[in-house]
Amino acid sequence: MADPVIAQKTPIPIEVEAGKTYYWCTCGKSSKQPLCDGSHKGSEFAPMAWTAPETKSAYLCACKHTKNAPLCDGSHKTL
């Protein structure tokens, strides 16, 4: 599998609603980071569906290397 584009090396905070599904960009090319805008089309990447467990600020990964997708786990610190 190809490596994703690193959109940025810090997480992106977004307000999420409990029970709502969000589509996290896995390719790194979306202009609507950290969410998918369809830029992956024609590639081996696909967005990841994630349903927020609670209403809160969530810190979504923008480096695309997290092991806890779509949430940031600090992997950007080693890139």
Protein backbone atom coordinates (compact mmCIF):
# COMPACT_ATOMS: atom_id res chain seq x y z
CA MET A 1 0.00 0.00 0.00
CA ALA A 2 1.17 3.51 -0.78
CA ASP A 3 2.08 5.89 2.02
CA PRO A 4 -0.46 8.60 2.78
CA VAL A 5 0.38 12.28 2.39
CA ILE A 6 1.17 13.92 5.73
CA ALA A 7 -1.39 16.74 5.82
CA GLN A 8 0.25 18.25 8.93
CA LYS A 9 2.20 17.12 11.96
CA THR A 10 -0.31 18.18 14.59
CA PRO A 11 -3.80 16.86 15.30
CA ILE A 12 -6.87 18.76 14.15
CA PRO A 13 -9.52 19.41 16.79
CA ILE A 14 -13.15 19.14 15.66
CA GLU A 15 -16.40 19.25 17.56
CA VAL A 16 -18.19 15.91 17.19
CA GLU A 17 -21.71 14.84 18.14
CA ALA A 18 -22.51 11.58 19.92
CA GLY A 19 -23.84 8.98 17.48
CA LYS A 20 -22.92 10.95 14.34
CA THR A 21 -20.68 9.25 11.77
CA TYR A 22 -17.68 11.10 10.36
CA TYR A 23 -15.49 10.06 7.42
CA TRP A 24 -11.81 10.50 8.26
CA CYS A 25 -9.42 11.09 5.37
CA THR A 26 -6.84 8.29 5.12
CA CYS A 27 -4.97 9.53 2.02
CA GLY A 28 -3.97 12.95 3.37
CA LYS A 29 -5.03 14.76 0.17
CA SER A 30 -8.40 16.11 1.32
CA SER A 31 -8.81 19.89 1.33
CA LYS A 32 -11.25 19.43 4.24
CA GLN A 33 -8.75 17.87 6.67
CA PRO A 34 -9.15 15.82 8.74
CA LEU A 35 -12.34 14.72 6.96
CA CYS A 36 -12.67 13.20 3.50
CA ASP A 37 -13.59 15.28 0.44
CA GLY A 38 -13.23 12.47 -2.14
CA SER A 39 -9.65 13.32 -3.17
CA HIS A 40 -8.70 9.64 -2.75
CA LYS A 41 -10.76 8.59 -5.80
CA GLY A 42 -8.68 6.56 -8.23
CA SER A 43 -6.24 5.51 -5.51
CA GLU A 44 -6.03 2.57 -3.14
CA PHE A 45 -7.24 4.73 -0.24
CA ALA A 46 -10.77 4.96 1.16
CA PRO A 47 -12.18 7.10 3.97
CA MET A 48 -12.62 5.54 7.40
CA ALA A 49 -16.09 5.77 8.93
CA TRP A 50 -16.02 6.67 12.63
CA THR A 51 -19.01 7.20 14.89
CA ALA A 52 -18.40 9.58 17.77
CA PRO A 53 -19.12 7.92 21.12
CA GLU A 54 -19.87 11.24 22.82
CA THR A 55 -20.28 14.94 22.08
CA LYS A 56 -16.92 16.62 22.64
CA SER A 57 -13.79 18.04 21.01
CA ALA A 58 -11.95 15.21 19.29
CA TYR A 59 -8.35 15.48 18.12
CA LEU A 60 -8.16 13.74 14.76
CA CYS A 61 -4.89 12.64 13.25
CA ALA A 62 -3.57 14.72 10.35
CA CYS A 63 -0.26 12.90 9.82
CA LYS A 64 -2.19 9.70 8.89
CA HIS A 65 0.22 7.48 10.84
CA THR A 66 -1.77 7.02 14.07
CA LYS A 67 -2.30 3.51 15.43
CA ASN A 68 -5.56 4.73 17.02
CA ALA A 69 -7.35 5.97 13.89
CA PRO A 70 -8.90 8.40 13.51
CA LEU A 71 -7.69 9.85 16.81
CA CYS A 72 -4.21 11.26 17.26
CA ASP A 73 -1.82 9.06 19.24
CA GLY A 74 1.26 11.28 18.95
CA SER A 75 2.80 9.39 16.01
CA HIS A 76 3.49 12.76 14.32
CA LYS A 77 6.26 13.36 16.87
CA THR A 78 8.43 10.67 15.26
CA LEU A 79 7.96 11.69 11.62
